[in-house]
Protein backbone atom coordinates (compact mmCIF):
# COMPACT_ATOMS: atom_id res chain seq x y z
CA MET A 1 177.26 106.18 76.10
CA ALA A 2 176.21 109.11 73.93
CA LEU A 3 178.96 110.46 71.71
CA GLU A 4 179.67 114.18 71.44
CA ILE A 5 181.03 115.31 68.09
CA THR A 6 181.40 119.03 67.55
CA LYS A 7 183.93 119.41 64.71
CA PRO A 8 185.10 117.62 61.56
CA GLU A 9 188.31 116.32 63.13
CA GLN A 10 186.34 114.43 65.74
CA LEU A 11 184.03 112.98 63.11
CA GLU A 12 186.97 111.87 60.94
CA LYS A 13 188.63 110.20 63.92
CA PHE A 14 185.39 108.44 64.82
CA LEU A 15 184.94 107.11 61.28
CA THR A 16 188.56 105.95 60.84
CA ASP A 17 187.92 102.32 61.75
CA LYS A 18 184.23 102.21 60.87
CA PRO A 19 182.56 100.71 57.78
CA THR A 20 182.49 103.03 54.78
CA GLN A 21 178.73 102.88 54.76
CA TRP A 22 178.65 104.72 58.08
CA SER A 23 180.28 107.69 56.37
CA HIS A 24 177.77 107.48 53.53
CA LEU A 25 174.79 107.60 55.84
CA ILE A 26 176.10 110.31 58.15
CA ALA A 27 176.95 112.51 55.15
CA ALA A 28 173.56 111.93 53.54
CA ARG A 29 171.60 112.72 56.68
CA ALA A 30 173.69 115.83 57.36
CA ALA A 31 172.89 117.14 53.88
CA ILE A 32 169.21 116.19 54.04
CA ARG A 33 168.76 118.12 57.28
CA VAL A 34 169.67 121.39 55.58
CA LEU A 35 167.96 120.65 52.25
CA PRO A 36 165.35 123.40 52.89
CA VAL A 37 168.17 125.93 53.24
CA ALA A 38 169.72 124.75 49.98
CA LEU A 39 166.38 125.04 48.19
CA SER A 40 165.83 128.61 49.30
CA GLY A 41 167.17 130.93 46.65
CA LEU A 42 168.13 128.09 44.31
CA LEU A 43 166.90 128.42 40.75
CA GLU A 44 163.94 126.19 39.99
CA GLU A 45 165.87 124.43 37.22
CA HIS A 46 168.24 122.96 39.86
CA TRP A 47 165.65 121.71 42.35
CA LEU A 48 165.44 118.20 40.96
CA ALA A 49 169.23 117.81 40.90
CA LEU A 50 169.34 118.79 44.56
CA PHE A 51 166.67 116.29 45.51
CA ARG A 52 168.45 113.64 43.47
CA ALA A 53 171.77 114.22 45.24
CA CYS A 54 170.18 113.99 48.68
CA PHE A 55 167.90 111.08 47.79
CA ILE A 56 170.59 108.94 46.13
CA SER A 57 172.96 109.56 49.04
CA TRP A 58 170.26 108.51 51.48
CA ALA A 59 169.31 105.45 49.42
CA VAL A 60 172.93 104.22 49.30
CA GLY A 61 173.17 104.68 53.05
CA LYS A 62 169.96 102.73 53.56
CA PHE A 63 170.75 99.96 51.04
CA PRO A 64 174.56 99.61 51.09
CA ALA A 65 174.40 96.20 49.41
CA GLN A 66 172.61 97.52 46.33
CA ASN A 67 174.41 98.73 43.22
CA ILE A 68 173.57 102.42 43.12
CA ALA A 69 177.13 103.71 42.92
CA SER A 70 176.88 104.81 39.29
CA SER A 71 173.79 106.87 40.03
CA ALA A 72 175.58 108.38 43.01
CA ALA A 73 178.55 109.35 40.86
CA TYR A 74 176.39 111.15 38.31
CA SER A 75 174.33 112.86 41.01
CA ALA A 76 177.61 114.17 42.48
CA ILE A 77 178.54 115.67 39.12
CA SER A 78 175.08 117.17 38.82
CA ALA A 79 175.37 118.50 42.37
CA ALA A 80 178.62 120.20 41.46
CA ARG A 81 176.75 122.13 38.79
CA PHE A 82 174.03 123.46 41.05
CA ALA A 83 176.53 124.10 43.87
CA ARG A 84 177.98 126.75 41.56
CA ALA A 85 174.55 128.15 40.74
CA ALA A 86 173.91 131.70 41.84
CA THR A 87 172.05 131.92 45.13
CA PRO A 88 171.47 135.05 47.20
CA SER A 89 172.01 133.19 50.46
CA ILE A 90 175.42 132.30 51.88
CA ALA A 91 173.71 129.71 54.05
CA GLY A 92 172.07 128.30 50.95
CA SER A 93 175.41 127.99 49.17
CA ILE A 94 176.89 126.15 52.14
CA ALA A 95 173.91 123.81 52.28
CA LEU A 96 174.34 123.09 48.58
CA SER A 97 177.93 122.16 49.30
CA ALA A 98 176.66 119.72 51.93
CA ALA A 99 174.47 118.01 49.32
CA ARG A 100 177.38 117.80 46.87
CA ALA A 101 179.69 116.39 49.53
CA ALA A 102 177.09 113.80 50.50
CA ALA A 103 176.81 112.67 46.89
CA LEU A 104 180.60 112.46 46.61
CA SER A 105 180.80 110.35 49.76
CA VAL A 106 178.86 107.55 48.10
CA ALA A 107 180.37 107.97 44.66
CA GLY A 108 183.96 107.03 45.34
CA SER A 109 186.74 106.40 47.81
CA VAL A 110 186.56 109.77 49.54
CA ALA A 111 183.78 108.75 51.90
CA ARG A 112 185.22 109.91 55.19
CA SER A 113 186.53 113.28 54.03
CA ALA A 114 183.32 113.90 52.12
CA ALA A 115 181.29 113.01 55.18
CA ASP A 116 183.36 115.52 57.16
CA SER A 117 182.72 118.12 54.48
CA ALA A 118 178.98 117.44 54.41
CA ALA A 119 178.76 117.63 58.19
CA LEU A 120 180.74 120.85 58.36
CA SER A 121 178.73 122.47 55.58
CA ALA A 122 175.48 121.46 57.26
CA ALA A 123 176.63 122.89 60.59
CA ARG A 124 177.72 126.13 58.94
CA SER A 125 174.39 126.69 57.13
CA THR A 126 171.80 127.86 59.64
CA ALA A 127 171.40 124.93 62.02
CA GLY A 128 174.75 125.43 63.79
CA PRO A 129 175.27 123.39 66.96
CA THR A 130 172.00 121.56 66.40
CA SER A 131 173.51 119.91 63.32
CA TRP A 132 176.42 118.59 65.37
CA GLU A 133 173.98 117.31 68.00
CA ALA A 134 172.14 115.41 65.26
CA ILE A 135 175.41 114.04 63.84
CA SER A 136 176.43 112.94 67.32
CA ALA A 137 173.09 111.17 67.71
CA ASP A 138 173.64 109.40 64.37
CA ALA A 139 177.10 108.25 65.41
CA THR A 140 175.76 107.02 68.74
CA GLY A 141 172.92 105.23 66.97
CA LEU A 142 175.25 103.42 64.60
CA THR A 143 177.51 102.40 67.45
CA GLY A 144 174.62 100.82 69.29
CA ARG A 145 173.35 98.73 66.37
CA GLU A 146 174.54 95.64 64.57
CA PRO A 147 174.77 95.38 60.76
CA PRO A 148 172.81 95.17 58.58
CA GLN A 149 170.09 96.69 60.76
CA ASP A 150 172.33 99.65 61.62
CA PHE A 151 171.98 101.29 58.19
CA ALA A 152 168.27 100.73 57.64
CA GLU A 153 167.27 101.68 61.18
CA LEU A 154 169.30 104.87 61.26
CA ALA A 155 168.12 105.85 57.76
CA LEU A 156 164.54 105.74 59.05
CA SER A 157 165.10 107.42 62.39
CA PRO A 158 164.08 111.08 62.93
CA LEU A 159 166.43 113.56 61.25
CA TRP A 160 166.68 115.74 64.34
CA PRO A 161 166.97 114.64 67.99
CA GLY A 162 164.02 116.92 68.75
CA GLU A 163 162.15 119.50 66.70
CA ALA A 164 163.78 120.81 63.55
CA PRO A 165 165.45 124.21 64.14
CA PRO A 166 163.00 127.06 63.51
CA SER A 167 165.16 128.42 60.68
CA ILE A 168 164.99 125.06 58.87
CA ALA A 169 161.25 124.59 59.49
CA ALA A 170 160.47 128.12 58.27
CA ARG A 171 162.42 127.70 55.04
CA TRP A 172 160.81 124.33 54.36
CA LYS A 173 157.33 125.75 54.91
CA SER A 174 158.10 128.70 52.65
CA TRP A 175 159.39 126.47 49.84
CA THR A 176 156.46 124.03 49.97
CA GLU A 177 154.07 126.97 49.63
CA ASN A 178 155.76 128.01 46.39
CA GLU A 179 153.33 127.45 43.51
CA ALA A 180 156.19 126.22 41.33
CA ALA A 181 156.74 123.32 43.77
CA TYR A 182 153.26 121.88 43.20
CA HIS A 183 154.40 118.96 41.04
CA TYR A 184 157.11 118.13 43.59
CA ALA A 185 154.53 116.44 45.85
CA PRO A 186 156.38 113.05 45.81
CA TRP A 187 159.58 114.70 47.00
CA ILE A 188 157.76 116.87 49.53
CA ASN A 189 156.16 113.75 50.99
CA TRP A 190 159.47 111.88 50.98
CA TYR A 191 161.22 114.66 52.88
CA GLN A 192 158.35 115.31 55.27
CA SER A 193 158.20 111.61 56.13
CA LEU A 194 161.87 111.74 57.08
CA LEU A 195 161.18 114.78 59.24
CA THR A 196 158.22 113.39 61.14
CA GLY A 197 158.46 109.63 60.78
CA ASN A 198 160.25 106.99 62.79
CA GLY A 199 160.82 103.48 61.50
CA PRO A 200 158.66 102.34 58.55
CA SER A 201 156.58 105.53 58.69
CA ALA A 202 159.69 107.46 57.57
CA ASP A 203 160.00 105.42 54.37
CA TYR A 204 157.56 107.20 52.07
CA PHE A 205 158.48 105.44 48.84
CA GLY A 206 159.08 102.03 50.38
CA PRO A 207 162.09 99.78 49.61
CA ASP A 208 161.10 98.68 46.11
CA LEU A 209 160.22 102.09 44.77
CA THR A 210 163.24 103.68 46.45
CA LEU A 211 165.52 101.32 44.52
CA ARG A 212 163.53 101.79 41.32
CA ILE A 213 163.97 105.56 41.47
CA ALA A 214 167.61 105.41 42.58
CA GLN A 215 168.61 103.03 39.77
CA GLN A 216 167.12 105.08 36.95
CA PRO A 217 169.62 105.99 34.20
CA ASP A 218 171.05 109.46 33.79
CA GLY A 219 168.89 110.16 30.76
CA TRP A 220 165.75 109.67 32.82
CA TRP A 221 166.92 112.22 35.39
CA ASP A 222 168.02 114.72 32.73
CA ARG A 223 164.44 115.24 31.51
CA PRO A 224 162.30 118.18 32.69
CA ALA A 225 161.43 117.90 36.38
CA GLU A 226 157.69 117.76 35.63
CA LYS A 227 158.17 114.54 33.65
CA VAL A 228 160.42 112.92 36.24
CA ASN A 229 158.02 113.79 39.04
CA ALA A 230 155.04 112.61 37.00
CA ASP A 231 156.73 109.21 36.53
CA ILE A 232 157.30 108.89 40.27
CA ALA A 233 153.70 109.89 40.97
CA ALA A 234 152.51 107.26 38.50
CA TRP A 235 154.65 104.56 40.13
CA LEU A 236 153.24 105.54 43.49
CA ALA A 237 149.74 105.32 42.06
CA GLU A 238 150.48 101.76 40.95
CA LEU A 239 150.81 100.89 44.63
CA SER A 240 147.31 102.20 45.30
CA SER A 241 143.99 100.76 44.23
CA VAL A 242 142.63 104.25 43.62
CA ASN A 243 142.02 105.11 39.99
CA PRO A 244 142.71 108.54 38.42
CA SER A 245 139.04 109.50 38.26
CA GLN A 246 138.77 109.05 42.04
CA GLU A 247 141.87 111.19 42.52
CA GLN A 248 140.44 113.95 40.36
CA SER A 249 137.12 113.78 42.18
CA ILE A 250 138.80 114.15 45.57
CA ASP A 251 140.89 116.99 44.23
CA ARG A 252 137.83 118.84 42.95
CA GLN A 253 135.87 118.25 46.15
CA ILE A 254 138.59 119.51 48.46
CA SER A 255 139.41 122.45 46.20
CA ALA A 256 135.75 123.50 46.25
CA LEU A 257 135.58 123.63 50.04
CA PRO A 258 135.47 127.16 51.47
CA SER A 259 138.32 128.48 53.55
CA PRO A 260 137.60 128.83 57.28
CA GLY A 261 136.32 132.28 58.18
CA PRO A 262 135.88 133.98 61.55
CA GLY A 263 134.51 131.51 64.10
CA PRO A 264 133.96 131.03 67.81
CA VAL A 265 137.59 129.87 68.12
CA LYS A 266 140.60 129.97 65.79
CA ILE A 267 141.44 126.37 64.87
CA SER A 268 144.59 125.40 62.99
CA PRO A 269 146.62 122.21 62.50
CA ASP A 270 150.24 121.79 63.55
CA PRO A 271 152.83 119.97 61.39
CA GLN A 272 151.88 116.69 63.07
CA GLY A 273 148.25 117.07 62.07
CA ARG A 274 146.73 117.81 65.50
CA LEU A 275 144.35 120.70 65.90
CA HIS A 276 145.18 123.62 68.15
CA VAL A 277 143.09 126.55 69.31
CA GLU A 278 144.93 129.85 69.32
CA ALA A 279 144.01 133.06 71.06
CA ALA A 280 143.08 135.30 68.16
CA PRO A 281 143.69 139.03 68.68
CA SER A 282 140.47 141.00 68.97
CA ASP A 283 139.53 143.03 65.92
CA LYS A 284 139.02 146.74 66.43
CA PRO A 285 135.72 147.25 68.26
CA ALA A 286 133.08 149.80 67.46
CA PRO A 287 132.87 152.99 69.53
CA GLY A 288 131.18 152.40 72.86
CA ALA A 289 132.80 149.02 73.57
CA GLN A 290 134.71 150.35 76.57
CA THR A 291 131.50 151.85 77.94
CA TYR A 292 129.73 148.49 77.71
CA LEU A 293 132.75 146.72 79.26
CA ASN A 294 132.86 149.13 82.19
CA GLY A 295 129.10 148.95 82.61
CA LEU A 296 129.14 145.16 82.59
CA ARG A 297 131.79 145.06 85.27
CA GLU A 298 129.89 147.64 87.35
CA LYS A 299 126.72 145.54 87.16
CA LEU A 300 128.39 142.19 87.86
CA GLY A 301 130.29 143.31 90.97
CA PRO A 302 127.26 144.27 93.10
CA LEU A 303 125.19 141.41 91.71
CA LEU A 304 127.82 138.87 92.77
CA GLY A 305 128.02 140.53 96.16
CA ASP A 306 124.26 140.21 96.67
CA MET A 307 124.25 136.60 95.43
CA THR A 308 126.90 135.68 97.99
CA GLN A 309 125.37 137.66 100.86
CA LYS A 310 121.90 136.20 100.32
CA ASN A 311 123.19 132.61 99.89
CA ALA A 312 121.55 132.39 96.47
CA ASP A 313 121.88 129.33 94.25
CA PRO A 314 125.66 128.62 94.22
CA PHE A 315 125.47 127.30 90.66
CA VAL A 316 124.10 130.63 89.43
CA THR A 317 126.74 132.48 91.42
CA ASP A 318 129.48 130.32 89.89
CA MET A 319 128.22 131.01 86.35
CA LEU A 320 128.21 134.75 87.04
CA LYS A 321 131.75 134.51 88.41
CA ARG A 322 132.92 132.81 85.22
CA LEU A 323 131.46 135.63 83.15
CA ASN A 324 133.14 138.17 85.39
CA GLU A 325 136.50 136.41 85.15
CA ALA A 326 136.30 136.56 81.36
CA LEU A 327 136.27 140.38 81.42
CA PRO A 328 139.66 142.06 80.83
CA GLU A 329 140.46 145.65 81.72
CA ALA A 330 140.65 146.95 78.15
CA VAL A 331 138.55 146.34 75.05
CA ALA A 332 141.65 145.50 73.01
CA THR A 333 141.98 142.17 74.83
CA VAL A 334 138.31 141.22 74.96
CA ASP A 335 137.44 137.73 73.67
CA PRO A 336 133.82 138.29 72.63
CA PHE A 337 133.29 134.59 71.92
CA GLU A 338 134.28 133.50 75.42
CA ILE A 339 132.11 136.22 76.97
CA ASP A 340 129.20 135.18 74.78
CA LEU A 341 129.51 131.54 75.80
CA HIS A 342 129.07 132.50 79.46
CA ARG A 343 126.36 135.02 78.56
CA VAL A 344 124.20 132.38 76.91
CA THR A 345 124.47 130.07 79.93
CA VAL A 346 123.77 132.82 82.49
CA THR A 347 120.83 134.20 80.53
CA SER A 348 119.30 130.74 80.14
CA ILE A 349 119.44 130.23 83.90
CA ALA A 350 117.62 133.51 84.52
CA ASP A 351 115.00 132.64 81.88
CA ALA A 352 114.47 129.25 83.52
CA TYR A 353 113.90 130.82 86.94
CA ALA A 354 111.50 133.37 85.44
CA SER A 355 109.44 130.81 83.51
CA ALA A 356 109.16 128.60 86.58
CA GLY A 357 108.17 131.54 88.79
CA ALA A 358 111.00 130.60 91.12
CA GLU A 359 112.81 133.93 91.50
CA ALA A 360 112.22 133.72 95.26
CA GLU A 361 114.86 130.97 95.35
CA LEU A 362 117.37 133.68 94.47
CA PHE A 363 116.21 137.05 95.79
CA PRO A 364 113.76 139.68 94.58
CA GLY A 365 114.96 141.44 91.46
CA ALA A 366 117.74 138.93 90.79
CA VAL A 367 116.31 137.64 87.51
CA ALA A 368 115.90 141.13 86.06
CA ARG A 369 119.47 142.04 87.02
CA ILE A 370 120.90 138.84 85.52
CA LEU A 371 119.01 139.41 82.28
CA ASP A 372 120.28 143.00 82.21
CA VAL A 373 123.84 141.69 82.59
CA GLY A 374 123.19 139.35 79.68
CA ARG A 375 121.93 142.14 77.44
CA THR A 376 124.95 144.32 78.25
CA ALA A 377 127.31 141.42 77.56
CA LEU A 378 125.68 140.84 74.18
CA ARG A 379 125.98 144.50 73.24
CA LEU A 380 129.67 144.39 74.17
CA CYS A 381 130.23 141.34 71.98
CA GLN A 382 128.37 142.91 69.07
CA CYS A 383 130.87 145.79 69.06
CA TYR A 384 133.34 143.39 67.40
CA PRO A 385 132.98 142.88 63.62
CA ASP A 386 134.18 139.25 63.65
CA PHE A 387 131.61 138.42 66.30
CA ARG A 388 128.82 139.94 64.23
CA VAL A 389 129.89 137.88 61.20
CA THR A 390 130.04 134.74 63.33
CA GLU A 391 126.70 135.54 64.95
CA ASN A 392 125.03 135.77 61.52
CA ASP A 393 126.69 132.51 60.50
CA ARG A 394 125.49 130.88 63.70
CA GLN A 395 121.92 131.85 62.89
CA ASP A 396 122.30 130.25 59.46
CA ILE A 397 123.75 127.00 60.82
CA SER A 398 121.39 126.82 63.80
CA PRO A 399 119.14 123.72 63.57
CA SER A 400 115.40 123.60 64.03
CA PRO A 401 114.43 123.25 67.72
CA ASN A 402 112.98 119.77 67.23
CA LEU A 403 116.29 118.53 65.80
CA VAL A 404 118.49 119.69 68.68
CA PRO A 405 118.51 116.42 70.71
CA GLN A 406 119.33 114.26 67.67
CA LEU A 407 122.00 116.58 66.32
CA GLN A 408 123.57 117.03 69.73
CA LEU A 409 124.19 113.27 69.91
CA SER A 410 125.83 113.29 66.49
CA ALA A 411 127.92 116.37 67.33
CA ASP A 412 129.05 114.71 70.57
CA GLY A 413 129.99 111.67 68.49
CA MET A 414 132.11 113.79 66.16
CA VAL A 415 133.97 115.41 69.03
CA GLN A 416 134.58 112.00 70.57
CA GLY A 417 135.80 110.71 67.19
CA LEU A 418 138.33 113.53 66.96
CA LYS A 419 139.50 112.70 70.46
CA ASP A 420 139.72 108.97 69.76
CA ALA A 421 141.77 109.71 66.65
CA ASP A 422 144.11 111.82 68.80
CA LEU A 423 143.63 114.81 66.53
CA LEU A 424 142.83 117.35 69.25
CA ALA A 425 145.70 119.02 71.05
CA PRO A 426 144.97 120.04 74.68
CA SER A 427 143.93 123.57 73.68
CA ALA A 428 141.40 122.24 71.18
CA GLN A 429 140.09 119.62 73.59
CA ALA A 430 139.55 122.34 76.20
CA ALA A 431 137.66 124.53 73.72
CA PHE A 432 135.32 121.72 72.65
CA ASP A 433 134.82 120.55 76.23
CA GLU A 434 133.91 124.07 77.34
CA THR A 435 131.25 124.36 74.67
CA LEU A 436 129.90 120.89 75.48
CA LEU A 437 129.75 121.87 79.14
CA GLY A 438 127.88 125.04 78.22
CA ILE A 439 125.28 122.98 76.36
CA ALA A 440 124.89 120.68 79.36
CA GLN A 441 124.49 123.63 81.75
CA ALA A 442 122.09 125.63 79.58
CA ARG A 443 118.63 125.64 81.16
CA THR A 444 116.43 126.50 78.19
CA PRO A 445 115.92 124.83 74.78
CA GLU A 446 116.80 128.05 72.95
CA ALA A 447 120.13 128.34 74.79
CA LYS A 448 120.97 124.73 74.00
CA ARG A 449 120.11 125.38 70.36
CA GLU A 450 122.32 128.48 70.29
CA LEU A 451 125.29 126.68 71.85
CA LEU A 452 124.79 123.65 69.60
CA ALA A 453 125.08 126.02 66.63
CA ARG A 454 128.37 127.25 68.13
CA LEU A 455 129.56 123.64 68.39
CA LEU A 456 128.58 122.96 64.78
CA GLN A 457 130.58 126.00 63.70
CA MET A 458 133.62 124.69 65.58
CA LEU A 459 133.27 121.21 64.06
CA ARG A 460 132.93 122.67 60.57
CA ASP A 461 136.05 124.80 61.02
CA ALA A 462 137.96 121.86 62.50
CA MET A 463 137.12 119.71 59.48
CA LEU A 464 138.10 122.47 57.06
CA ALA A 465 141.40 122.89 58.89
CA LEU A 466 142.10 119.17 58.60
CA LEU A 467 141.01 118.81 54.99
CA LYS A 468 142.13 122.01 53.43
CA VAL A 469 144.56 124.83 54.02
CA SER A 470 145.25 125.51 50.36
CA LYS A 471 144.77 123.52 47.15
CA PRO A 472 146.02 120.00 47.90
CA PRO A 473 147.60 117.60 45.46
CA ALA A 474 145.00 114.86 45.03
CA GLN A 475 147.73 112.34 44.36
CA ALA A 476 149.03 112.93 47.87
CA VAL A 477 145.74 111.81 49.40
CA VAL A 478 145.52 108.49 47.64
CA LEU A 479 149.18 107.59 47.97
CA GLU A 480 148.83 107.33 51.75
CA LEU A 481 145.82 105.03 51.66
CA ARG A 482 147.77 101.82 51.28
CA SER A 483 149.95 102.40 54.32
CA LEU A 484 147.32 104.04 56.52
CA THR A 485 144.24 101.88 56.13
CA LYS A 486 145.56 98.92 58.10
CA ASP A 487 146.69 101.13 60.97
CA MET A 488 143.34 102.90 61.18
CA TYR A 489 141.31 99.75 61.47
CA GLN A 490 143.70 98.31 64.04
CA GLY A 491 143.02 101.35 66.18
CA ALA A 492 146.56 102.65 65.93
CA ARG A 493 147.37 106.26 65.29
CA PRO A 494 148.64 106.35 61.69
CA LYS A 495 151.61 108.35 60.58
CA LEU A 496 150.79 111.94 59.82
CA VAL A 497 152.28 113.30 56.64
CA LYS A 498 152.04 116.99 55.94
CA ILE A 499 151.91 117.89 52.28
CA GLY A 500 153.55 121.29 52.37
CA SER A 501 151.00 123.63 53.86
CA ALA A 502 148.21 122.06 51.85
CA LEU A 503 146.88 118.86 53.35
CA ILE A 504 147.72 116.71 56.30
CA VAL A 505 146.95 113.42 54.68
CA GLY A 506 147.17 111.19 57.71
CA SER A 507 144.80 113.42 59.63
CA ALA A 508 142.33 113.63 56.76
CA LEU A 509 142.15 109.87 56.42
CA THR A 510 141.97 109.36 60.16
CA VAL A 511 138.99 111.71 60.26
CA ALA A 512 137.35 109.73 57.47
CA ALA A 513 137.65 106.56 59.53
CA TYR A 514 136.49 108.03 62.83
CA VAL A 515 133.82 110.67 62.12
CA ALA A 516 132.23 109.77 58.77
CA GLY A 517 129.10 108.33 60.42
CA PRO A 518 128.12 111.16 62.79
CA LEU A 519 129.16 113.77 60.22
CA ALA A 520 126.85 112.23 57.62
CA THR A 521 123.96 112.37 60.10
CA LEU A 522 124.63 116.03 60.80
CA ALA A 523 124.95 116.85 57.11
CA GLU A 524 121.45 115.49 56.44
CA LYS A 525 120.01 118.28 58.60
CA VAL A 526 122.71 120.97 58.40
CA PRO A 527 123.33 122.01 54.77
CA GLN A 528 126.55 123.88 55.69
CA LEU A 529 128.20 120.53 56.49
CA LYS A 530 127.17 118.66 53.35
CA GLU A 531 130.20 119.52 51.21
CA ILE A 532 132.56 118.49 54.00
CA SER A 533 130.63 115.27 54.55
CA ASP A 534 130.84 114.46 50.83
CA VAL A 535 134.63 114.77 50.89
CA VAL A 536 134.92 112.59 53.99
CA LYS A 537 132.56 110.03 52.44
CA SER A 538 134.74 109.86 49.33
CA LEU A 539 137.81 109.20 51.45
CA LYS A 540 135.93 106.66 53.55
CA ASP A 541 134.67 104.83 50.43
CA ILE A 542 138.24 104.46 49.20
CA ILE A 543 139.40 103.20 52.59
CA ASP A 544 136.58 100.66 52.74
CA LYS A 545 137.60 99.29 49.34
């Protein structure tokens, strides 16, 4: 039966006859949940002390049999210092108190009262009732397990019963994007693994390194944060077969990649590393856009009526209907890229009928009217600056006509690789499938070439979104190799670890395993993909070793 704990008195009563370690772990997890709130507004000089307090508390809860009590005691003293540090946020001060209480719970004989204090402080920060729901889930989880598995299993279970509260997620994202937090990559990965992992995937450092860090003397922790974090990064590197020169090479390669610009669709990764397509607001169109939109609608209506009345080719009628359905009432909500996708298909059909001299299969004048609709649709799309930029880019990336069949196979292989790796959310799958369908339905080589260029743009932007959002810590890439490689070659979906807003390591390595081959083939003929292919090849080479 699920327990419901909503206030400290209930938690204290629950813990009265329970092992002390239960209090340790509940206090630690309560504090860790609101760590992003504590970090916000806290002076940079106190960041490491905060991470230490939360980490040591968690480590003691996970490894109750290990002798980490002395470290816990000192981290509690250190936490008391930063709990008094000036912070502009009341919620941040309360969250700091949660971290201090968690450290106290494992440092002495005040475990239960400190656990109550940590839980109450966490609930009072910004998470509110959601914190009590998480604490209730922890209590229920401990009740349903037998020692010693109870501590380890709960320590590696998701921090929140569902998604982290938006206020927590927003503060965490904001802190990880802080330039001063760059050398905190080991701690960012540790915390993010707890947020998104479940079971072994939540244990970023692993048992041995966790104990090594937790048992370091006070003098080691009292050094500048850059030196402490550099030591941890070096210990992590010892677990990887990747040498520093490879790390630096990957860092340089990813840093040199361009940022995604305007494209046929707006592709972005979520915190779990899957790609989504969002509806991007239309940029301000040039004068005359509304005239073209009205004219296009006025031309399509009668044309569709004649197509239906004369029992013309139902496939052509269906394509014209799709174009018509993509037209909104106002230019402010026009999606020029969707309209253009249908325009290319419709125009190719008319060109095919004209070149075959088969207009009679439709009705007299139908081809001219369809082509006129296509021209008007293109003029409408060209009223939007982002479309014009993307159209120029598409011309640059467009392959030679004789290469279209070969490159289409490789592009199809890349899309399938992204699907097999489970990196496409439904919205992204739908966007790729629609473009692939357009290529299949296009009736002329030039239309297929134009839509293949659109697909190449989408694949390029998808890869950039997976590999780079901002400058990534190279160390973060290589540290995941050891734990991810086995999963990838067993066909399992590896854990996805988001490094701040910079790099989704699991996704990047998954891509390297699944799409390196077709991407390399494309890059041989499409120069715009070469830099991306080089990065993926570097990752793939490391995985293969």
